[in-house]
Each structure stands twice: as C-alpha cells, then as structure tokens.
PDB file of N, CA and C in Angstrom:
ATOM      1  N   MET A   1      -1.074 -27.196 -39.885  1.00  0.00           N
ATOM      2  CA  MET A   1      -1.060 -27.144 -38.440  1.00  0.00           C
ATOM      3  C   MET A   1       0.224 -26.484 -37.957  1.00  0.00           C
ATOM      4  N   THR A   2       0.401 -26.549 -36.671  1.00  0.00           N
ATOM      5  CA  THR A   2       1.598 -25.935 -36.091  1.00  0.00           C
ATOM      6  C   THR A   2       2.657 -26.977 -35.842  1.00  0.00           C
ATOM      7  N   ASN A   3       3.827 -26.519 -35.497  1.00  0.00           N
ATOM      8  CA  ASN A   3       4.931 -27.417 -35.188  1.00  0.00           C
ATOM      9  C   ASN A   3       4.933 -27.851 -33.729  1.00  0.00           C
ATOM     10  N   ARG A   4       3.963 -27.443 -32.988  1.00  0.00           N
ATOM     11  CA  ARG A   4       3.913 -27.778 -31.565  1.00  0.00           C
ATOM     12  C   ARG A   4       3.281 -29.157 -31.357  1.00  0.00           C
ATOM     13  N   ASP A   5       3.676 -29.780 -30.264  1.00  0.00           N
ATOM     14  CA  ASP A   5       3.072 -31.063 -29.894  1.00  0.00           C
ATOM     15  C   ASP A   5       1.736 -30.815 -29.212  1.00  0.00           C
ATOM     16  N   TRP A   6       0.960 -31.835 -29.063  1.00  0.00           N
ATOM     17  CA  TRP A   6      -0.366 -31.689 -28.463  1.00  0.00           C
ATOM     18  C   TRP A   6      -0.282 -31.350 -26.977  1.00  0.00           C
ATOM     19  N   TYR A   7       0.838 -31.620 -26.320  1.00  0.00           N
ATOM     20  CA  TYR A   7       0.992 -31.344 -24.882  1.00  0.00           C
ATOM     21  C   TYR A   7       1.732 -30.041 -24.618  1.00  0.00           C
ATOM     22  N   ASP A   8       1.901 -29.227 -25.609  1.00  0.00           N
ATOM     23  CA  ASP A   8       2.622 -27.963 -25.464  1.00  0.00           C
ATOM     24  C   ASP A   8       1.753 -26.941 -24.717  1.00  0.00           C
ATOM     25  N   ASP A   9       2.207 -26.547 -23.540  1.00  0.00           N
ATOM     26  CA  ASP A   9       1.460 -25.609 -22.711  1.00  0.00           C
ATOM     27  C   ASP A   9       2.169 -24.264 -22.566  1.00  0.00           C
ATOM     28  N   ARG A  10       2.997 -23.910 -23.521  1.00  0.00           N
ATOM     29  CA  ARG A  10       3.753 -22.669 -23.394  1.00  0.00           C
ATOM     30  C   ARG A  10       2.861 -21.447 -23.276  1.00  0.00           C
ATOM     31  N   ASP A  11       1.802 -21.380 -24.063  1.00  0.00           N
ATOM     32  CA  ASP A  11       0.915 -20.219 -24.000  1.00  0.00           C
ATOM     33  C   ASP A  11       0.238 -20.127 -22.641  1.00  0.00           C
ATOM     34  N   TYR A  12      -0.227 -21.247 -22.150  1.00  0.00           N
ATOM     35  CA  TYR A  12      -0.887 -21.276 -20.840  1.00  0.00           C
ATOM     36  C   TYR A  12       0.092 -20.887 -19.734  1.00  0.00           C
ATOM     37  N   GLU A  13       1.278 -21.467 -19.747  1.00  0.00           N
ATOM     38  CA  GLU A  13       2.269 -21.170 -18.710  1.00  0.00           C
ATOM     39  C   GLU A  13       2.693 -19.708 -18.760  1.00  0.00           C
ATOM     40  N   SER A  14       2.817 -19.162 -19.939  1.00  0.00           N
ATOM     41  CA  SER A  14       3.161 -17.751 -20.073  1.00  0.00           C
ATOM     42  C   SER A  14       2.065 -16.865 -19.493  1.00  0.00           C
ATOM     43  N   ALA A  15       0.823 -17.210 -19.753  1.00  0.00           N
ATOM     44  CA  ALA A  15      -0.292 -16.436 -19.211  1.00  0.00           C
ATOM     45  C   ALA A  15      -0.327 -16.531 -17.690  1.00  0.00           C
ATOM     46  N   VAL A  16      -0.056 -17.696 -17.152  1.00  0.00           N
ATOM     47  CA  VAL A  16      -0.043 -17.871 -15.697  1.00  0.00           C
ATOM     48  C   VAL A  16       1.082 -17.049 -15.082  1.00  0.00           C
ATOM     49  N   GLU A  17       2.259 -17.064 -15.694  1.00  0.00           N
ATOM     50  CA  GLU A  17       3.385 -16.277 -15.179  1.00  0.00           C
ATOM     51  C   GLU A  17       3.071 -14.781 -15.197  1.00  0.00           C
ATOM     52  N   ARG A  18       2.462 -14.314 -16.286  1.00  0.00           N
ATOM     53  CA  ARG A  18       2.082 -12.892 -16.351  1.00  0.00           C
ATOM     54  C   ARG A  18       1.055 -12.551 -15.290  1.00  0.00           C
ATOM     55  N   ALA A  19       0.084 -13.426 -15.089  1.00  0.00           N
ATOM     56  CA  ALA A  19      -0.950 -13.180 -14.075  1.00  0.00           C
ATOM     57  C   ALA A  19      -0.340 -13.164 -12.672  1.00  0.00           C
ATOM     58  N   GLU A  20       0.571 -14.070 -12.392  1.00  0.00           N
ATOM     59  CA  GLU A  20       1.219 -14.085 -11.080  1.00  0.00           C
ATOM     60  C   GLU A  20       2.052 -12.832 -10.861  1.00  0.00           C
ATOM     61  N   ARG A  21       2.750 -12.398 -11.886  1.00  0.00           N
ATOM     62  CA  ARG A  21       3.565 -11.193 -11.782  1.00  0.00           C
ATOM     63  C   ARG A  21       2.687  -9.969 -11.521  1.00  0.00           C
ATOM     64  N   MET A  22       1.578  -9.867 -12.238  1.00  0.00           N
ATOM     65  CA  MET A  22       0.676  -8.736 -12.039  1.00  0.00           C
ATOM     66  C   MET A  22       0.018  -8.788 -10.662  1.00  0.00           C
ATOM     67  N   THR A  23      -0.257  -9.975 -10.162  1.00  0.00           N
ATOM     68  CA  THR A  23      -0.816 -10.116  -8.820  1.00  0.00           C
ATOM     69  C   THR A  23       0.173  -9.615  -7.778  1.00  0.00           C
ATOM     70  N   ARG A  24       1.444  -9.985  -7.925  1.00  0.00           N
ATOM     71  CA  ARG A  24       2.462  -9.503  -6.979  1.00  0.00           C
ATOM     72  C   ARG A  24       2.578  -7.988  -7.040  1.00  0.00           C
ATOM     73  N   ILE A  25       2.571  -7.425  -8.240  1.00  0.00           N
ATOM     74  CA  ILE A  25       2.656  -5.972  -8.377  1.00  0.00           C
ATOM     75  C   ILE A  25       1.441  -5.310  -7.737  1.00  0.00           C
ATOM     76  N   GLY A  26       0.286  -5.890  -7.932  1.00  0.00           N
ATOM     77  CA  GLY A  26      -0.939  -5.338  -7.339  1.00  0.00           C
ATOM     78  C   GLY A  26      -0.892  -5.348  -5.823  1.00  0.00           C
ATOM     79  N   TRP A  27      -0.448  -6.453  -5.240  1.00  0.00           N
ATOM     80  CA  TRP A  27      -0.366  -6.529  -3.777  1.00  0.00           C
ATOM     81  C   TRP A  27       0.655  -5.558  -3.242  1.00  0.00           C
ATOM     82  N   ARG A  28       1.766  -5.361  -3.957  1.00  0.00           N
ATOM     83  CA  ARG A  28       2.767  -4.373  -3.518  1.00  0.00           C
ATOM     84  C   ARG A  28       2.185  -2.971  -3.559  1.00  0.00           C
ATOM     85  N   ALA A  29       1.419  -2.664  -4.583  1.00  0.00           N
ATOM     86  CA  ALA A  29       0.790  -1.348  -4.680  1.00  0.00           C
ATOM     87  C   ALA A  29      -0.212  -1.146  -3.548  1.00  0.00           C
ATOM     88  N   ILE A  30      -1.006  -2.168  -3.269  1.00  0.00           N
ATOM     89  CA  ILE A  30      -1.976  -2.077  -2.174  1.00  0.00           C
ATOM     90  C   ILE A  30      -1.247  -1.864  -0.851  1.00  0.00           C
ATOM     91  N   ALA A  31      -0.197  -2.626  -0.608  1.00  0.00           N
ATOM     92  CA  ALA A  31       0.557  -2.487   0.637  1.00  0.00           C
ATOM     93  C   ALA A  31       1.185  -1.100   0.744  1.00  0.00           C
ATOM     94  N   GLY A  32       1.688  -0.569  -0.360  1.00  0.00           N
ATOM     95  CA  GLY A  32       2.269   0.777  -0.347  1.00  0.00           C
ATOM     96  C   GLY A  32       1.250   1.848  -0.018  1.00  0.00           C
ATOM     97  N   VAL A  33       0.079   1.754  -0.614  1.00  0.00           N
ATOM     98  CA  VAL A  33      -0.969   2.737  -0.358  1.00  0.00           C
ATOM     99  C   VAL A  33      -1.444   2.649   1.090  1.00  0.00           C
ATOM    100  N   VAL A  34      -1.638   1.435   1.589  1.00  0.00           N
ATOM    101  CA  VAL A  34      -2.072   1.266   2.979  1.00  0.00           C
ATOM    102  C   VAL A  34      -0.996   1.805   3.929  1.00  0.00           C
ATOM    103  N   GLY A  35       0.252   1.550   3.625  1.00  0.00           N
ATOM    104  CA  GLY A  35       1.346   2.075   4.447  1.00  0.00           C
ATOM    105  C   GLY A  35       1.361   3.592   4.463  1.00  0.00           C
ATOM    106  N   LEU A  36       1.195   4.204   3.298  1.00  0.00           N
ATOM    107  CA  LEU A  36       1.162   5.666   3.238  1.00  0.00           C
ATOM    108  C   LEU A  36      -0.033   6.227   3.994  1.00  0.00           C
ATOM    109  N   LEU A  37      -1.183   5.579   3.890  1.00  0.00           N
ATOM    110  CA  LEU A  37      -2.353   6.025   4.642  1.00  0.00           C
ATOM    111  C   LEU A  37      -2.107   5.904   6.141  1.00  0.00           C
ATOM    112  N   GLY A  38      -1.474   4.832   6.562  1.00  0.00           N
ATOM    113  CA  GLY A  38      -1.149   4.661   7.980  1.00  0.00           C
ATOM    114  C   GLY A  38      -0.221   5.748   8.481  1.00  0.00           C
ATOM    115  N   ILE A  39       0.798   6.068   7.694  1.00  0.00           N
ATOM    116  CA  ILE A  39       1.719   7.146   8.068  1.00  0.00           C
ATOM    117  C   ILE A  39       0.971   8.475   8.136  1.00  0.00           C
ATOM    118  N   GLY A  40       0.063   8.700   7.205  1.00  0.00           N
ATOM    119  CA  GLY A  40      -0.731   9.929   7.216  1.00  0.00           C
ATOM    120  C   GLY A  40      -1.610  10.036   8.454  1.00  0.00           C
ATOM    121  N   VAL A  41      -2.234   8.938   8.844  1.00  0.00           N
ATOM    122  CA  VAL A  41      -3.078   8.936  10.042  1.00  0.00           C
ATOM    123  C   VAL A  41      -2.234   9.207  11.285  1.00  0.00           C
ATOM    124  N   ILE A  42      -1.080   8.585  11.362  1.00  0.00           N
ATOM    125  CA  ILE A  42      -0.189   8.818  12.500  1.00  0.00           C
ATOM    126  C   ILE A  42       0.239  10.283  12.545  1.00  0.00           C
ATOM    127  N   ALA A  43       0.557  10.868  11.393  1.00  0.00           N
ATOM    128  CA  ALA A  43       0.954  12.277  11.348  1.00  0.00           C
ATOM    129  C   ALA A  43      -0.181  13.183  11.811  1.00  0.00           C
ATOM    130  N   VAL A  44      -1.402  12.901  11.404  1.00  0.00           N
ATOM    131  CA  VAL A  44      -2.549  13.710  11.827  1.00  0.00           C
ATOM    132  C   VAL A  44      -2.746  13.612  13.335  1.00  0.00           C
ATOM    133  N   VAL A  45      -2.610  12.414  13.888  1.00  0.00           N
ATOM    134  CA  VAL A  45      -2.761  12.225  15.336  1.00  0.00           C
ATOM    135  C   VAL A  45      -1.688  13.007  16.086  1.00  0.00           C
ATOM    136  N   VAL A  46      -0.457  12.958  15.602  1.00  0.00           N
ATOM    137  CA  VAL A  46       0.637  13.682  16.258  1.00  0.00           C
ATOM    138  C   VAL A  46       0.382  15.182  16.217  1.00  0.00           C
ATOM    139  N   VAL A  47      -0.058  15.698  15.091  1.00  0.00           N
ATOM    140  CA  VAL A  47      -0.351  17.131  14.976  1.00  0.00           C
ATOM    141  C   VAL A  47      -1.494  17.516  15.913  1.00  0.00           C
ATOM    142  N   CYS A  48      -2.539  16.707  15.965  1.00  0.00           N
ATOM    143  CA  CYS A  48      -3.666  16.996  16.861  1.00  0.00           C
ATOM    144  C   CYS A  48      -3.219  16.986  18.322  1.00  0.00           C
ATOM    145  N   LEU A  49      -2.399  16.035  18.702  1.00  0.00           N
ATOM    146  CA  LEU A  49      -1.892  16.003  20.073  1.00  0.00           C
ATOM    147  C   LEU A  49      -1.031  17.226  20.374  1.00  0.00           C
ATOM    148  N   ALA A  50      -0.214  17.643  19.427  1.00  0.00           N
ATOM    149  CA  ALA A  50       0.613  18.834  19.623  1.00  0.00           C
ATOM    150  C   ALA A  50      -0.269  20.070  19.801  1.00  0.00           C
ATOM    151  N   VAL A  51      -1.342  20.173  19.032  1.00  0.00           N
ATOM    152  CA  VAL A  51      -2.255  21.306  19.165  1.00  0.00           C
ATOM    153  C   VAL A  51      -2.936  21.277  20.527  1.00  0.00           C
ATOM    154  N   VAL A  52      -3.387  20.122  20.970  1.00  0.00           N
ATOM    155  CA  VAL A  52      -4.049  20.004  22.280  1.00  0.00           C
ATOM    156  C   VAL A  52      -3.078  20.370  23.401  1.00  0.00           C
ATOM    157  N   ILE A  53      -1.851  19.876  23.316  1.00  0.00           N
ATOM    158  CA  ILE A  53      -0.847  20.195  24.343  1.00  0.00           C
ATOM    159  C   ILE A  53      -0.536  21.691  24.321  1.00  0.00           C
ATOM    160  N   GLY A  54      -0.419  22.266  23.133  1.00  0.00           N
ATOM    161  CA  GLY A  54      -0.171  23.714  23.030  1.00  0.00           C
ATOM    162  C   GLY A  54      -1.310  24.527  23.614  1.00  0.00           C
ATOM    163  N   MET A  55      -2.541  24.127  23.342  1.00  0.00           N
ATOM    164  CA  MET A  55      -3.692  24.851  23.892  1.00  0.00           C
ATOM    165  C   MET A  55      -3.742  24.709  25.418  1.00  0.00           C
ATOM    166  N   ALA A  56      -3.444  23.531  25.915  1.00  0.00           N
ATOM    167  CA  ALA A  56      -3.427  23.336  27.364  1.00  0.00           C
ATOM    168  C   ALA A  56      -2.346  24.186  27.997  1.00  0.00           C
ATOM    169  N   TYR A  57      -1.209  24.276  27.358  1.00  0.00           N
ATOM    170  CA  TYR A  57      -0.128  25.122  27.873  1.00  0.00           C
ATOM    171  C   TYR A  57      -0.559  26.582  27.922  1.00  0.00           C
ATOM    172  N   VAL A  58      -1.227  27.051  26.873  1.00  0.00           N
ATOM    173  CA  VAL A  58      -1.679  28.447  26.839  1.00  0.00           C
ATOM    174  C   VAL A  58      -2.702  28.680  27.948  1.00  0.00           C
ATOM    175  N   VAL A  59      -3.616  27.771  28.163  1.00  0.00           N
ATOM    176  CA  VAL A  59      -4.643  27.928  29.191  1.00  0.00           C
ATOM    177  C   VAL A  59      -4.008  27.949  30.575  1.00  0.00           C
ATOM    178  N   VAL A  60      -3.034  27.086  30.822  1.00  0.00           N
ATOM    179  CA  VAL A  60      -2.383  27.030  32.137  1.00  0.00           C
ATOM    180  C   VAL A  60      -1.451  28.220  32.332  1.00  0.00           C
ATOM    181  N   ALA A  61      -0.799  28.692  31.313  1.00  0.00           N
ATOM    182  CA  ALA A  61       0.180  29.758  31.429  1.00  0.00           C
ATOM    183  C   ALA A  61      -0.446  31.139  31.571  1.00  0.00           C
ATOM    184  N   VAL A  62      -1.673  31.318  31.120  1.00  0.00           N
ATOM    185  CA  VAL A  62      -2.323  32.631  31.213  1.00  0.00           C
ATOM    186  C   VAL A  62      -2.761  32.845  32.654  1.00  0.00           C
ATOM    187  N   PRO A  63      -2.297  33.975  33.293  1.00  0.00           N
ATOM    188  CA  PRO A  63      -2.675  34.222  34.690  1.00  0.00           C
ATOM    189  C   PRO A  63      -4.089  34.691  34.868  1.00  0.00           C
TER     190      PRO A  63
END
C-alpha cells in the first residue's frame, strides 16, 4: 500500500486548485475578448459617425 493515511486528500485538493486556477484564467480571457469586441464596436460607431458628419458637411458646403 501507500504511506498515505486514509483521510489524505492531497490529490483531490490539488485537482480542485488546478480547476479553480483554470476557471479564473478562462474568465479573464472571456473578459478580455469581450472588452476588445466592445472597443471595436465603439471604434466602428465613431468612424461611421465621422463619415456621416463628413458627408453632411460636403452636402451643405456644395453651392
């Protein structure tokens, strides 16, 4: 047999710690991707507004 006692939970606790660590890493990755997508959407909206304002300026400025 092994030298461990019957109440030794080292393997279980190690697996739980690894799972918790991977869960935190996963949530950070998800948050990073969502943040980047949000920044991308904001950038697209700003560019579209700039184009609309530029087109309106051209329409108003042409005699």
